N, C-alpha and C. Protein backbone atom coordinates (compact mmCIF):
# COMPACT_ATOMS: atom_id res chain seq x y z
N MET A 1 -7.09 2.61 -11.88
CA MET A 1 -7.98 2.81 -10.74
C MET A 1 -7.48 4.01 -9.94
N LYS A 2 -8.33 4.99 -9.74
CA LYS A 2 -7.96 6.17 -8.99
C LYS A 2 -8.82 6.25 -7.74
N GLN A 3 -8.19 6.52 -6.64
CA GLN A 3 -8.88 6.57 -5.36
C GLN A 3 -8.73 7.97 -4.79
N SER A 4 -9.84 8.64 -4.49
CA SER A 4 -9.78 10.03 -4.05
C SER A 4 -9.12 10.20 -2.69
N THR A 5 -9.04 9.16 -1.89
CA THR A 5 -8.44 9.27 -0.57
C THR A 5 -6.94 8.95 -0.58
N CYS A 6 -6.37 8.78 -1.75
CA CYS A 6 -4.95 8.48 -1.86
C CYS A 6 -4.14 9.76 -1.67
N LYS A 7 -3.19 9.72 -0.73
CA LYS A 7 -2.33 10.87 -0.46
C LYS A 7 -1.14 10.93 -1.41
N GLN A 8 -0.90 9.83 -2.13
CA GLN A 8 0.24 9.74 -3.05
C GLN A 8 -0.26 9.27 -4.41
N GLU A 9 -1.15 10.03 -5.03
CA GLU A 9 -1.81 9.61 -6.27
C GLU A 9 -0.86 9.34 -7.43
N GLU A 10 0.28 10.01 -7.47
CA GLU A 10 1.21 9.82 -8.59
C GLU A 10 1.65 8.36 -8.72
N GLY A 11 1.86 7.68 -7.61
CA GLY A 11 2.30 6.29 -7.65
C GLY A 11 1.19 5.30 -7.34
N HIS A 12 -0.06 5.73 -7.45
CA HIS A 12 -1.18 4.90 -7.01
C HIS A 12 -1.24 3.53 -7.69
N GLY A 13 -0.82 3.44 -8.93
CA GLY A 13 -0.87 2.17 -9.65
C GLY A 13 -0.06 1.06 -9.01
N GLY A 14 0.91 1.40 -8.16
CA GLY A 14 1.74 0.40 -7.49
C GLY A 14 1.35 0.17 -6.04
N HIS A 15 0.26 0.77 -5.60
CA HIS A 15 -0.17 0.60 -4.21
C HIS A 15 -0.85 -0.75 -4.02
N LEU A 16 -0.77 -1.27 -2.81
CA LEU A 16 -1.29 -2.61 -2.53
C LEU A 16 -2.77 -2.75 -2.84
N CYS A 17 -3.56 -1.69 -2.66
CA CYS A 17 -4.99 -1.79 -2.96
C CYS A 17 -5.21 -2.05 -4.45
N VAL A 18 -4.42 -1.42 -5.30
CA VAL A 18 -4.53 -1.63 -6.75
C VAL A 18 -4.04 -3.02 -7.11
N LEU A 19 -2.90 -3.41 -6.54
CA LEU A 19 -2.36 -4.74 -6.82
C LEU A 19 -3.35 -5.83 -6.43
N ALA A 20 -4.04 -5.66 -5.31
CA ALA A 20 -5.04 -6.64 -4.87
C ALA A 20 -6.21 -6.69 -5.85
N SER A 21 -6.65 -5.54 -6.33
CA SER A 21 -7.77 -5.53 -7.28
C SER A 21 -7.40 -6.18 -8.61
N GLU A 22 -6.10 -6.22 -8.89
CA GLU A 22 -5.60 -6.85 -10.12
C GLU A 22 -5.18 -8.31 -9.90
N GLY A 23 -5.32 -8.80 -8.67
CA GLY A 23 -4.97 -10.19 -8.36
C GLY A 23 -3.48 -10.46 -8.33
N ARG A 24 -2.66 -9.46 -8.06
CA ARG A 24 -1.20 -9.60 -8.08
C ARG A 24 -0.68 -9.93 -6.68
N PHE A 25 -1.11 -11.09 -6.17
CA PHE A 25 -0.86 -11.45 -4.78
C PHE A 25 0.59 -11.84 -4.50
N ASP A 26 1.30 -12.38 -5.46
CA ASP A 26 2.72 -12.69 -5.26
C ASP A 26 3.51 -11.40 -5.02
N GLU A 27 3.17 -10.37 -5.75
CA GLU A 27 3.84 -9.08 -5.58
C GLU A 27 3.49 -8.46 -4.22
N ILE A 28 2.23 -8.61 -3.81
CA ILE A 28 1.79 -8.11 -2.50
C ILE A 28 2.56 -8.83 -1.39
N ARG A 29 2.70 -10.15 -1.49
CA ARG A 29 3.45 -10.90 -0.47
C ARG A 29 4.87 -10.38 -0.35
N ARG A 30 5.50 -10.08 -1.46
CA ARG A 30 6.87 -9.57 -1.45
C ARG A 30 6.93 -8.18 -0.80
N LEU A 31 6.00 -7.31 -1.15
CA LEU A 31 6.01 -5.94 -0.64
C LEU A 31 5.60 -5.84 0.83
N ALA A 32 4.89 -6.87 1.32
CA ALA A 32 4.41 -6.84 2.70
C ALA A 32 5.15 -7.81 3.63
N ALA A 33 6.23 -8.40 3.14
CA ALA A 33 6.95 -9.42 3.92
C ALA A 33 7.55 -8.88 5.22
N ARG A 34 8.04 -7.66 5.19
CA ARG A 34 8.64 -7.03 6.38
C ARG A 34 7.96 -5.69 6.63
N PRO A 35 6.74 -5.70 7.15
CA PRO A 35 5.97 -4.46 7.25
C PRO A 35 6.56 -3.44 8.21
N ARG A 36 6.61 -2.21 7.73
CA ARG A 36 7.05 -1.07 8.53
C ARG A 36 6.01 0.04 8.55
N PHE A 37 5.02 -0.03 7.62
CA PHE A 37 3.99 0.98 7.49
C PHE A 37 2.62 0.33 7.38
N ILE A 38 1.60 1.04 7.82
CA ILE A 38 0.22 0.60 7.68
C ILE A 38 -0.55 1.70 6.96
N CYS A 39 -1.49 1.32 6.12
CA CYS A 39 -2.32 2.29 5.41
C CYS A 39 -3.47 2.71 6.32
N PHE A 40 -3.58 3.99 6.55
CA PHE A 40 -4.64 4.52 7.40
C PHE A 40 -6.01 4.33 6.75
N ASN A 41 -6.05 4.16 5.42
CA ASN A 41 -7.32 3.97 4.70
C ASN A 41 -7.82 2.53 4.78
N CYS A 42 -6.96 1.56 4.42
CA CYS A 42 -7.45 0.19 4.25
C CYS A 42 -6.88 -0.80 5.26
N GLY A 43 -5.82 -0.41 6.00
CA GLY A 43 -5.24 -1.30 6.99
C GLY A 43 -4.21 -2.27 6.45
N ARG A 44 -3.92 -2.22 5.16
CA ARG A 44 -2.87 -3.09 4.61
C ARG A 44 -1.52 -2.62 5.15
N VAL A 45 -0.56 -3.55 5.22
CA VAL A 45 0.78 -3.21 5.68
C VAL A 45 1.79 -3.46 4.57
N ALA A 46 2.90 -2.71 4.61
CA ALA A 46 3.95 -2.83 3.60
C ALA A 46 5.27 -2.40 4.18
N GLU A 47 6.33 -2.84 3.52
CA GLU A 47 7.67 -2.45 3.94
C GLU A 47 7.94 -0.98 3.62
N ALA A 48 7.46 -0.51 2.47
CA ALA A 48 7.72 0.88 2.04
C ALA A 48 6.43 1.71 2.07
N ALA A 49 6.56 2.93 2.50
CA ALA A 49 5.42 3.85 2.51
C ALA A 49 4.87 4.08 1.11
N THR A 50 5.72 3.97 0.11
CA THR A 50 5.30 4.22 -1.27
C THR A 50 4.37 3.14 -1.81
N SER A 51 4.18 2.05 -1.08
CA SER A 51 3.27 0.99 -1.49
C SER A 51 1.85 1.18 -0.97
N LEU A 52 1.62 2.30 -0.26
CA LEU A 52 0.33 2.53 0.39
C LEU A 52 -0.20 3.91 0.06
N CYS A 53 -1.54 4.05 0.11
CA CYS A 53 -2.18 5.34 -0.19
C CYS A 53 -2.01 6.38 0.90
N ASN A 54 -2.14 5.96 2.14
CA ASN A 54 -2.11 6.89 3.26
C ASN A 54 -1.29 6.25 4.40
N PRO A 55 0.03 6.14 4.20
CA PRO A 55 0.88 5.39 5.13
C PRO A 55 1.15 6.10 6.45
N MET A 56 1.28 5.29 7.49
CA MET A 56 1.78 5.76 8.78
C MET A 56 2.71 4.68 9.31
N PRO A 57 3.79 5.08 9.98
CA PRO A 57 4.74 4.11 10.52
C PRO A 57 4.06 3.22 11.56
N LEU A 58 4.43 1.95 11.57
CA LEU A 58 3.92 1.03 12.60
C LEU A 58 4.53 1.35 13.95
N GLU A 59 5.78 1.79 13.94
CA GLU A 59 6.47 2.14 15.19
C GLU A 59 6.92 3.59 15.13
N LYS A 60 7.00 4.20 16.28
CA LYS A 60 7.46 5.59 16.35
C LYS A 60 8.95 5.66 16.38
């Protein structure tokens, strides 16, 4: 699955939006357990920016 609004397309297969479309919710729970970033595209949160298409820090 390729998304044109992804700022980090090289690792897109491991982003939460892809994992959700594949039903990999246990992995999503693990990656989002301690959120530090939010995706500007979809609003999902994750601990690592690399898990999101267009990440921004939750805190400055």
